[in-house]
Amino acid sequence: MPRRWKYATKEGDVEDAAPVPASTDNPTFDGFWEATMADGDSTVVILSGKNVWHDGSQFASLKVLNQQTCALIMADDDVRGYLSADGQEIEWEDGDCWKRAKMEQHKGQQSFATPTRTSPHKSQIEPANNAWVKKHNADEEAVLEALVQRDAGSLQEILELGCPADIFVESEPLWREMGWTPEGDCQQMPLPLLVAAILLQWPEGVRICIEKKANVNATYAGPFPRSDGGTVQEKSGAPILRVALSAKGPAQCIICQHILSAKVRGRTFQSVRRKAKDEMDFVTLGLFDNFKGPFAES
């Protein structure tokens, strides 16, 4: 999230761009947002397509995963957010909450908020942001190549050089590699790296992601294959452990072992064990029947 102080953001500094949000019948992420941080501070952020504007500069990128879910991609981390049904709030996984601000209330005002400390000059911010965007794009391309080639050494090196283990990657090359086409209109939804390694049935890639602190208690709202070749997509998000059961043969049990070793929540384990038993082969079923923890604290 943006640094936890208020900036003076002049409307003229931002591309005319910050679009008027769609009606509440079809809410989008675009618009002005009063970003309330977990520590109580607030500031105004503008979402416009893939751009996230703050203090006249782009400080992050946005990937829309579906109509209610997005990922805020920053230099140090990626954070998933969920749009409320009325389109008026975004709840972020790290505890922050953004409330939609009416653009009209800021018209003609010099700034959205009174600064509580001096912010860096725009000329200082832009080169750093541009360099970060280039690095992020390069990381994404390198990670995707390592995935498709199942190159464990390259993936390990990329993550050790600072690429976040929860980075999102383009999905279409992975669908082609899998020889599988998701049903519906979700073919272009980007994939978290850990989910991509699972869907490629690549246990070594899963192990590397988990060693680099990929979140095994995250959820995935995109498509993944069912045992009969159909498409599963849970709009509220499927647990990573449930997605792991899309793997077949020996890879399924090994991937589940890696995920369980990183401590999933007990209630998640029990839910997947109860609801997805038909997706388990006999070795994985034995793993679930005999696994006693440890589990993450709820």
Foldseek 3Di string as FASTA:
>chain_A
DPPQWEDFAFPVLADVFQDDFDALVQGAQGAKKFKQDPVGGTYIWGDGQQFIDDNSEGQWGKAAQDSFKIWTGHLQDIWIWGADSSRAWIAIPVGIIIGGDDPVVCPPPRGDDDTPDDDDDPVVPHVVRVVSVVVLVVLQVQLVVCLLVVPLVSNLVSVVVRHQLQRWHFQQVLCVSLVAAAPDDNRGRTDGQLLSCLLNLRLSSNLSSVVRPDDQQDFAQGWGAAPVRYIDGDNVGQGSLLSLLSHDDPSSQSSNVSSQVSAAAPVNLVVCLPPVVVSDDPVNVVVSVPDDDDHDDD
